[in-house]
Protein backbone atom coordinates (compact mmCIF):
# COMPACT_ATOMS: atom_id res chain seq x y z
CA UNK A 1 -19.00 -17.81 -37.72
CA UNK A 2 -18.16 -20.57 -35.23
CA UNK A 3 -21.26 -22.03 -33.60
CA UNK A 4 -21.35 -22.45 -29.86
CA UNK A 5 -21.41 -26.13 -28.96
CA UNK A 6 -22.68 -27.86 -25.89
CA UNK A 7 -20.20 -28.87 -23.26
CA UNK A 8 -18.57 -32.12 -24.34
CA UNK A 9 -16.11 -32.84 -21.57
CA UNK A 10 -16.18 -36.45 -20.34
CA UNK A 11 -18.81 -37.03 -17.70
CA UNK A 12 -17.03 -36.76 -14.39
CA UNK A 13 -13.71 -36.72 -16.28
CA UNK A 14 -10.94 -34.17 -16.50
CA UNK A 15 -10.98 -31.61 -19.28
CA UNK A 16 -7.47 -31.38 -20.72
CA UNK A 17 -5.52 -28.70 -22.50
CA UNK A 18 -5.52 -30.90 -25.62
CA UNK A 19 -9.34 -30.96 -25.59
CA UNK A 20 -9.38 -27.16 -25.47
CA UNK A 21 -6.95 -27.07 -28.41
CA UNK A 22 -9.13 -29.43 -30.45
CA UNK A 23 -12.30 -27.47 -29.72
CA UNK A 24 -10.74 -24.09 -30.54
CA UNK A 25 -8.88 -25.24 -33.65
CA UNK A 26 -5.38 -24.30 -32.50
CA UNK A 27 -2.38 -26.26 -31.26
CA UNK A 28 -1.94 -27.25 -27.57
CA UNK A 29 1.21 -25.10 -27.50
CA UNK A 30 -0.82 -22.05 -28.56
CA UNK A 31 -3.39 -22.70 -25.83
CA UNK A 32 -0.56 -22.99 -23.30
CA UNK A 33 1.03 -19.71 -24.42
CA UNK A 34 -2.31 -17.91 -24.26
CA UNK A 35 -2.84 -19.17 -20.70
CA UNK A 36 0.65 -18.06 -19.73
CA UNK A 37 0.17 -14.64 -21.30
CA UNK A 38 3.09 -15.09 -23.71
CA UNK A 39 1.20 -15.77 -26.96
CA UNK A 40 1.19 -13.36 -29.88
CA UNK A 41 -1.98 -14.43 -31.69
CA UNK A 42 -4.95 -12.84 -33.39
CA UNK A 43 -7.96 -11.70 -31.40
CA UNK A 44 -10.01 -14.34 -33.26
CA UNK A 45 -7.80 -17.20 -32.05
CA UNK A 46 -7.71 -15.84 -28.50
CA UNK A 47 -11.52 -15.55 -28.50
CA UNK A 48 -11.84 -19.12 -29.81
CA UNK A 49 -9.66 -20.43 -26.98
CA UNK A 50 -11.59 -18.41 -24.37
CA UNK A 51 -14.87 -19.78 -25.72
CA UNK A 52 -13.60 -23.36 -25.69
CA UNK A 53 -12.42 -22.97 -22.10
CA UNK A 54 -15.85 -21.67 -21.09
CA UNK A 55 -17.72 -24.40 -22.98
CA UNK A 56 -15.62 -27.25 -21.61
CA UNK A 57 -15.23 -25.88 -18.10
CA UNK A 58 -11.46 -26.17 -18.35
CA UNK A 59 -9.57 -25.23 -15.18
CA UNK A 60 -5.83 -24.61 -15.80
CA UNK A 61 -3.39 -26.29 -13.44
CA UNK A 62 -1.37 -23.42 -11.96
CA UNK A 63 1.39 -25.70 -10.70
CA UNK A 64 1.86 -27.30 -14.09
CA UNK A 65 1.76 -23.92 -15.79
CA UNK A 66 4.34 -22.55 -13.42
CA UNK A 67 6.69 -25.48 -13.68
CA UNK A 68 6.45 -25.39 -17.47
CA UNK A 69 7.72 -21.83 -17.37
CA UNK A 70 10.20 -22.42 -14.56
CA UNK A 71 7.96 -20.57 -12.11
CA UNK A 72 5.63 -21.31 -9.21
CA UNK A 73 3.21 -18.44 -10.01
CA UNK A 74 3.48 -17.25 -6.42
CA UNK A 75 4.73 -13.96 -4.97
CA UNK A 76 6.01 -13.29 -1.47
CA UNK A 77 4.63 -10.23 0.32
CA UNK A 78 6.26 -8.91 3.49
CA UNK A 79 3.98 -6.56 5.37
CA UNK A 80 4.69 -5.33 8.89
CA UNK A 81 1.40 -6.12 10.61
CA UNK A 82 -1.44 -8.05 8.99
CA UNK A 83 -3.96 -6.16 11.12
CA UNK A 84 -2.75 -2.67 10.13
CA UNK A 85 -5.66 -0.59 8.76
CA UNK A 86 -3.37 0.94 6.12
CA UNK A 87 -1.31 -2.09 5.10
CA UNK A 88 -4.33 -4.40 5.29
CA UNK A 89 -5.93 -2.43 2.46
CA UNK A 90 -2.64 -2.55 0.53
CA UNK A 91 -2.66 -6.35 0.82
CA UNK A 92 -6.12 -6.41 -0.72
CA UNK A 93 -4.84 -4.37 -3.67
CA UNK A 94 -1.89 -6.76 -4.12
CA UNK A 95 -4.13 -9.80 -3.99
CA UNK A 96 -6.57 -8.27 -6.48
CA UNK A 97 -3.92 -7.66 -9.16
CA UNK A 98 -1.96 -10.88 -8.64
CA UNK A 99 -5.11 -13.00 -8.71
CA UNK A 100 -6.08 -11.64 -12.13
CA UNK A 101 -2.64 -12.62 -13.42
CA UNK A 102 -2.92 -16.15 -12.02
CA UNK A 103 -0.47 -15.54 -9.17
CA UNK A 104 -0.95 -16.48 -5.53
CA UNK A 105 0.41 -14.08 -2.86
CA UNK A 106 2.05 -15.50 0.25
CA UNK A 107 1.71 -12.97 3.10
CA UNK A 108 4.12 -12.78 6.05
CA UNK A 109 4.72 -10.10 8.71
CA UNK A 110 8.08 -8.54 9.51
CA UNK A 111 6.85 -6.73 12.66
CA UNK A 112 9.14 -3.75 11.93
CA UNK A 113 12.17 -5.90 12.69
CA UNK A 114 15.04 -6.31 10.20
CA UNK A 115 16.03 -9.77 11.49
CA UNK A 116 12.44 -10.93 11.24
CA UNK A 117 12.23 -9.61 7.69
CA UNK A 118 15.38 -11.58 6.78
CA UNK A 119 13.75 -14.69 8.20
CA UNK A 120 10.59 -13.97 6.18
CA UNK A 121 12.65 -13.72 2.99
CA UNK A 122 14.29 -17.07 3.64
CA UNK A 123 10.90 -18.67 4.30
CA UNK A 124 9.54 -17.24 1.06
CA UNK A 125 12.63 -18.38 -0.86
CA UNK A 126 12.07 -21.90 0.46
CA UNK A 127 8.55 -21.71 -1.03
CA UNK A 128 10.17 -20.80 -4.36
CA UNK A 129 8.26 -17.55 -4.85
CA UNK A 130 8.90 -15.88 -8.20
CA UNK A 131 9.20 -12.38 -6.77
CA UNK A 132 8.92 -10.28 -3.64
CA UNK A 133 6.98 -7.22 -2.47
CA UNK A 134 8.18 -5.48 0.70
CA UNK A 135 5.86 -2.93 2.27
CA UNK A 136 8.27 -0.40 3.81
CA UNK A 137 10.05 -2.34 6.56
CA UNK A 138 13.38 -2.02 8.36
CA UNK A 139 15.67 -4.10 6.15
CA UNK A 140 18.61 -2.03 4.92
CA UNK A 141 18.90 -0.79 1.34
CA UNK A 142 22.07 -2.81 0.72
CA UNK A 143 20.41 -6.00 1.94
CA UNK A 144 17.38 -5.44 -0.30
CA UNK A 145 19.66 -4.77 -3.26
CA UNK A 146 21.38 -8.09 -2.61
CA UNK A 147 18.02 -9.91 -2.46
CA UNK A 148 16.90 -8.34 -5.75
CA UNK A 149 19.90 -9.80 -7.60
CA UNK A 150 18.25 -13.22 -7.49
CA UNK A 151 14.62 -12.39 -6.66
CA UNK A 152 12.75 -9.57 -8.45
CA UNK A 153 11.66 -7.16 -5.72
CA UNK A 154 9.31 -4.21 -5.32
CA UNK A 155 9.74 -2.02 -2.23
CA UNK A 156 7.39 0.71 -1.02
CA UNK A 157 8.10 3.61 1.33
CA UNK A 158 11.60 4.52 0.17
CA UNK A 159 13.62 5.57 -2.87
CA UNK A 160 16.00 2.81 -3.88
CA UNK A 161 17.62 1.84 -7.19
CA UNK A 162 19.22 -1.54 -7.82
CA UNK A 163 19.15 -4.21 -10.55
CA UNK A 164 15.97 -6.30 -10.30
CA UNK A 165 14.38 -3.86 -7.85
CA UNK A 166 11.70 -1.18 -8.21
CA UNK A 167 10.66 1.26 -5.49
CA UNK A 168 7.40 3.16 -4.99
CA UNK A 169 7.62 6.26 -2.83
CA UNK A 170 4.77 8.47 -1.66
CA UNK A 171 5.59 12.18 -1.32
CA UNK A 172 5.28 12.32 2.47
CA UNK A 173 7.05 15.68 2.64
CA UNK A 174 4.51 17.35 0.35
CA UNK A 175 1.59 15.70 2.14
CA UNK A 176 2.75 17.03 5.51
CA UNK A 177 3.42 20.43 4.03
CA UNK A 178 -0.15 20.56 2.66
CA UNK A 179 -1.63 19.50 6.01
CA UNK A 180 0.29 22.12 7.96
CA UNK A 181 -0.36 24.78 5.34
CA UNK A 182 -4.10 24.09 5.66
CA UNK A 183 -4.02 24.78 9.40
CA UNK A 184 -1.92 27.89 8.86
CA UNK A 185 -4.45 29.16 6.30
CA UNK A 186 -7.14 28.89 8.99
CA UNK A 187 -5.15 31.21 11.24
CA UNK A 188 -3.54 28.58 13.48
CA UNK A 189 0.00 29.39 14.58
CA UNK A 190 0.51 27.09 17.56
CA UNK A 191 0.22 23.76 15.77
CA UNK A 192 1.23 20.64 17.66
CA UNK A 193 2.70 17.77 15.64
CA UNK A 194 2.47 14.10 16.67
CA UNK A 195 5.40 12.43 14.94
CA UNK A 196 5.75 8.81 13.86
CA UNK A 197 8.57 6.45 14.76
CA UNK A 198 11.78 8.22 13.64
CA UNK A 199 13.28 5.02 12.26
CA UNK A 200 10.65 5.17 9.51
CA UNK A 201 11.66 7.29 6.49
CA UNK A 202 8.06 8.46 6.02
CA UNK A 203 7.90 9.72 9.63
CA UNK A 204 10.97 11.88 9.09
CA UNK A 205 9.65 13.26 5.81
CA UNK A 206 6.35 14.22 7.45
CA UNK A 207 8.18 16.05 10.23
CA UNK A 208 10.28 17.82 7.60
CA UNK A 209 7.14 18.88 5.70
CA UNK A 210 5.60 20.26 8.90
CA UNK A 211 8.71 22.30 9.66
CA UNK A 212 8.98 23.55 6.08
CA UNK A 213 5.40 24.88 6.07
CA UNK A 214 5.97 26.69 9.37
CA UNK A 215 9.16 28.26 8.07
CA UNK A 216 7.50 29.39 4.82
CA UNK A 217 4.76 31.08 6.88
CA UNK A 218 7.26 32.78 9.18
CA UNK A 219 6.12 30.77 12.20
CA UNK A 220 8.84 29.79 14.64
CA UNK A 221 9.33 26.05 15.12
CA UNK A 222 8.92 24.97 18.75
CA UNK A 223 10.26 21.56 19.74
CA UNK A 224 7.87 21.59 22.73
CA UNK A 225 4.97 21.28 20.27
CA UNK A 226 6.39 18.09 18.70
CA UNK A 227 5.25 14.92 20.49
CA UNK A 228 6.63 11.48 19.79
CA UNK A 229 4.16 8.82 18.67
CA UNK A 230 4.42 5.36 17.13
CA UNK A 231 1.71 5.36 14.43
CA UNK A 232 -0.91 3.61 16.60
CA UNK A 233 -4.00 5.11 18.22
CA UNK A 234 -2.85 4.84 21.82
CA UNK A 235 0.38 6.72 21.06
CA UNK A 236 -1.67 9.65 19.71
CA UNK A 237 -3.82 9.63 22.81
CA UNK A 238 -0.78 9.52 25.11
CA UNK A 239 0.95 12.31 23.15
CA UNK A 240 -2.00 14.68 23.64
CA UNK A 241 -2.22 13.77 27.33
CA UNK A 242 1.45 14.78 27.68
CA UNK A 243 0.84 17.96 25.72
CA UNK A 244 -2.09 18.98 27.91
CA UNK A 245 -0.15 18.19 31.08
CA UNK A 246 2.75 20.35 29.89
CA UNK A 247 0.59 23.47 29.82
CA UNK A 248 1.88 24.34 26.33
CA UNK A 249 -0.69 26.43 24.43
CA UNK A 250 -1.93 25.07 21.09
CA UNK A 251 -4.99 25.46 18.86
CA UNK A 252 -4.44 22.65 16.34
CA UNK A 253 -2.90 19.20 16.05
CA UNK A 254 -1.40 17.56 12.99
CA UNK A 255 -0.90 13.84 13.55
CA UNK A 256 1.46 11.94 11.22
CA UNK A 257 -1.22 9.34 10.53
CA UNK A 258 -4.96 8.91 10.98
CA UNK A 259 -4.61 6.31 13.71
CA UNK A 260 -2.74 8.77 15.93
CA UNK A 261 -5.26 11.48 15.00
CA UNK A 262 -8.06 9.22 16.25
CA UNK A 263 -6.21 8.76 19.54
CA UNK A 264 -5.55 12.49 19.79
CA UNK A 265 -9.26 13.29 19.31
CA UNK A 266 -10.13 10.80 22.07
CA UNK A 267 -7.69 12.45 24.51
CA UNK A 268 -9.21 15.86 23.75
CA UNK A 269 -12.72 14.47 24.30
CA UNK A 270 -11.65 12.98 27.63
CA UNK A 271 -10.51 16.43 28.74
CA UNK A 272 -13.77 18.07 27.66
CA UNK A 273 -12.27 19.74 24.59
CA UNK A 274 -14.25 19.77 21.36
CA UNK A 275 -12.98 19.11 17.82
CA UNK A 276 -12.87 21.47 15.97
CA UNK A 277 -14.44 24.16 18.21
CA UNK A 278 -11.57 24.10 20.69
CA UNK A 279 -8.85 22.28 18.74
CA UNK A 280 -8.58 21.51 15.02
CA UNK A 281 -7.18 18.07 14.11
CA UNK A 282 -5.62 16.82 10.86
CA UNK A 283 -4.48 13.27 10.08
CA UNK A 284 -2.60 11.53 7.28
CA UNK A 285 -3.59 8.50 5.11
CA UNK A 286 -7.37 8.93 4.70
CA UNK A 287 -8.24 5.56 6.21
CA UNK A 288 -11.82 4.34 5.85
CA UNK A 289 -12.44 5.34 9.48
CA UNK A 290 -11.58 8.98 8.73
CA UNK A 291 -14.90 9.49 6.98
CA UNK A 292 -16.84 7.92 9.83
CA UNK A 293 -15.09 9.49 12.83
CA UNK A 294 -16.90 12.18 14.83
CA UNK A 295 -16.38 14.70 13.44
CA UNK A 296 -15.17 13.38 10.04
CA UNK A 297 -11.39 13.84 9.89
CA UNK A 298 -9.54 16.27 7.66
CA UNK A 299 -6.57 14.32 6.34
CA UNK A 300 -4.04 13.73 3.56
CA UNK A 301 -5.15 11.11 1.09
CA UNK A 302 -2.72 8.26 0.58
CA UNK A 303 -4.44 5.23 -0.94
CA UNK A 304 -3.16 1.97 0.50
CA UNK A 305 -5.31 0.11 -2.03
CA UNK A 306 -3.68 1.88 -4.96
CA UNK A 307 -0.24 1.35 -3.44
CA UNK A 308 -0.92 -2.38 -3.28
CA UNK A 309 -2.23 -2.51 -6.83
CA UNK A 310 0.74 -0.61 -8.24
CA UNK A 311 3.24 -2.69 -6.26
CA UNK A 312 1.75 -5.91 -7.63
CA UNK A 313 1.56 -4.57 -11.19
CA UNK A 314 5.20 -3.44 -10.96
CA UNK A 315 6.29 -6.88 -9.78
CA UNK A 316 4.48 -8.54 -12.69
CA UNK A 317 6.33 -6.19 -15.05
CA UNK A 318 9.68 -7.10 -13.48
CA UNK A 319 8.83 -10.79 -13.87
CA UNK A 320 8.03 -10.18 -17.54
CA UNK A 321 11.44 -8.56 -18.02
CA UNK A 322 9.98 -5.07 -18.30
CA UNK A 323 10.97 -1.89 -16.49
CA UNK A 324 8.09 -0.61 -14.32
CA UNK A 325 7.14 3.04 -14.59
CA UNK A 326 4.32 3.25 -12.02
CA UNK A 327 4.20 6.26 -9.73
CA UNK A 328 2.02 6.72 -6.66
CA UNK A 329 -0.63 9.47 -6.88
CA UNK A 330 0.34 12.86 -5.47
CA UNK A 331 -0.92 13.67 -1.96
CA UNK A 332 -4.25 15.45 -1.73
CA UNK A 333 -5.73 17.35 1.18
CA UNK A 334 -9.21 16.08 2.05
CA UNK A 335 -10.99 18.76 4.08
CA UNK A 336 -13.71 17.52 6.41
CA UNK A 337 -15.25 18.77 9.65
CA UNK A 338 -12.33 18.37 12.10
CA UNK A 339 -10.76 21.73 11.18
CA UNK A 340 -12.04 25.30 11.29
CA UNK A 341 -10.64 28.84 11.40
CA UNK A 342 -9.16 29.76 14.75
CA UNK A 343 -11.64 31.50 17.02
CA UNK A 344 -10.92 35.22 17.66
CA UNK A 345 -9.12 35.84 20.96
């Protein structure tokens, strides 16, 4: 059994890869391959290298490692808004997975603008990123397919197939169907829907799921109960203000995301209406704030953290020449205190 030795790196000096190789009893090339994740070696040799690294306090040079493999060990990530409650959590998941693999993420915002996203891609290319993750966005499918020919790319929020590209799509239709079905099961028939921006594929799928659930229950769809929002809190508040001013009767609201549901609940409160005693409210995403709202929000669970983790893991697989197989979890209805059976007339 190999005895643990005291740290023998030069006082104040730099511990080198060759010193790690000497201490662990393997070649410098083997140490390098183990660090790069490309070595096929026994567990005993890998453990010996890990122990030598710990004993010597060796810190690998990521730039040197990357250049040796023709890579920079960096990944470009295009989000739409750094301060988004949903995408912010996704960024944390991306960072978590990439960091463990020795990659550095470079985050930029596209601001839901295709031209801005193109500019972001060029900026990231100039930084020589090894791959790209695009969180939804407005850039066209053909344009993304062209990018993926030279830069491995993972895209979320749409279904897209192209060489060098992998897409992760949440089942927004099924999530919206579950949310609407829940309200229908509680006896609600006049269910208002606050839609997201129609240029977003997920917004259209959620509207489609809402309509499908109504149709299956034999409830007539009324366009006057569909209010346009933009996925932010104030748009949900404004939508409910318009709904109340219209005089249209309703007993429940399904908002296409939690942020709009929060705004909707505020508008109801401002008019002296109670959730859920007067109006039931359902959201979509299960943001952290959904648990802590008053009352806690019934919603559809879509984990931004898991989306980020899977996007990063899929990119690492593309970079390793493998075909990703990750799939996002199926939507789940999380029932909390913002919904209740409709009160008898």
